[in-house]
Amino acid sequence: MSGRRIVFCTFGSLGDIHPYLALAREMKRRGHAPIIATVPVYRALIEAQGVAFRPIRPDIDVTDPEVLRRVMDRRTGARTIICDMMLPALRDTYEDTAAAAADADLLVTHPIAWGALLFARVTGMPWASTALAPVSVYSAFDASVIPIIPFAELVARLSPFFQRPLLNAFAALFERLLGPFRELEKELGLPPASNPLLWGHSPHLVLALFSRWLAAPQADWPPNAYATGFPFYAHSAGDLPELQRFVDAGEAPIVFTLGSAAVGAAGDFFEQSVGAARQLGRRAVLLIGRDERNRPKGELASDVIAVPYAPHAAVFPRACVVVHQGGIGTTGEAMRAGRPMLVVPFSHDQPDHASRLVRLGVGRSISRERYSARNAAREIEILLHRSTYAQRAAQIGHAIGAEDGTTRACDLLSKMFERR
């Protein structure tokens, strides 16, 4: 079989880029010609991995701390992404996708790549949709925590009998925002489809790009959906000798990180984290991002180091506890590292991941509003002294380390070529 042209369409933070880079590199290794179509700010990152890049509007710098601060707001962040970023640029997104995928053999779409979804429906080309997190394949039998719903944690515990009507009510409310999508859908000669945010799944293949340990397949998932495991993206941030020396110089530190999105809305998170480590008498690694406002005030003690970024796969296994925001990429790496964790969710899918990790017995959770040096120290101390957390985390880490989500997902994509 000759190499095929595969276009991966995505939008968002590094957690929305790295899984597709992992898949693209594997498909290239198999002799295909992958392309990642996304916002221009990621061009250098993608091309440095030997993967072709195509720009897709909206041309927003999703690494800008000011942008991240708006999109990570618990109450208004989702509306900002949908109403201020994605829908106003939908026609541009569609045109850019059409140019990038005109002669593609396969289209692979992110959950909010709605221009690509429309293009796939217009052309009838083979198309695989993806769910990066369990909330994107919402199940009445394993309900997700949706933070913009009042009393979200309690709602997620309701029986399956109540879940479907609640989801339908949520879809009806969301439908009011979809005017630009419905207009373009009609202009393209397409009949109205199901709500693209909740049920924008491909009829050909749905890849749930996370581990069954985080969320197992359910009876009400699409029949063509497969939980592949996390497609981990192996990469290096370059030489980090100072961090390496610090980690090697003493007992395992607490690692504090907010991933690549919530770090833009850190507030006093890192200041409080330093205080928590000091109360516990523990060493700490702070991954503070590129915004210097995140750096704690004053000179750091010798048992604390702050760096802009380090690959999570390199530092998490060296930690005693990982404190993180619960983004899907960070969650996957923390689970694989096999270390107990404290999750401090901000918005979007993060509260759902926090709830799942707590139920799994690998960590504890504290709301962003309650995160303080005192509260964080209390939670971390429990994680350090109750051996069940470390034992369970190590067990899950071993199981996830044995999964190969990249290979599994690429095998399923390759079968689409055979069926065609």
Foldseek 3Di string as FASTA:
>chain_A
DAAFEEEEEFEAWVLGVQLVLLLQLVSVVVHHQYEYEYAPVCCVVSVVSVHHYFYADPNDPRLDLVLLQQLLAAQCNVVCCQQVGDLVCLVRRLVSLCVVCVPGQEYEYELRSLSVLLVCVLVVHHYFYEAADQQLQADLCQGFQARNDPPSVVLRPDHSVPVVVVVVVVQVVVVVSCVSVVVVCVVSVHDDDGRSNRPSGDPRAYEYQADVLLPNDDPSGPPRYDDQHHSGRDDWPPDDVVVVCLLVPDAAAEEEEAGSRCLSVCPCVVVQVLLLCVVVVGAYEYQRADDPVSDHPDDRDSSYDYDPDGPLLVRLLSHQEYEYAQDSNNLSSNLLSLHAYEHAHRHDRRVRSQVSCVVLLQYHYDYPVPRGSVVVNVRVVCSNPPCSNSVSSNVRNVVSVPGNSSVRVSVSVVVVVVVD
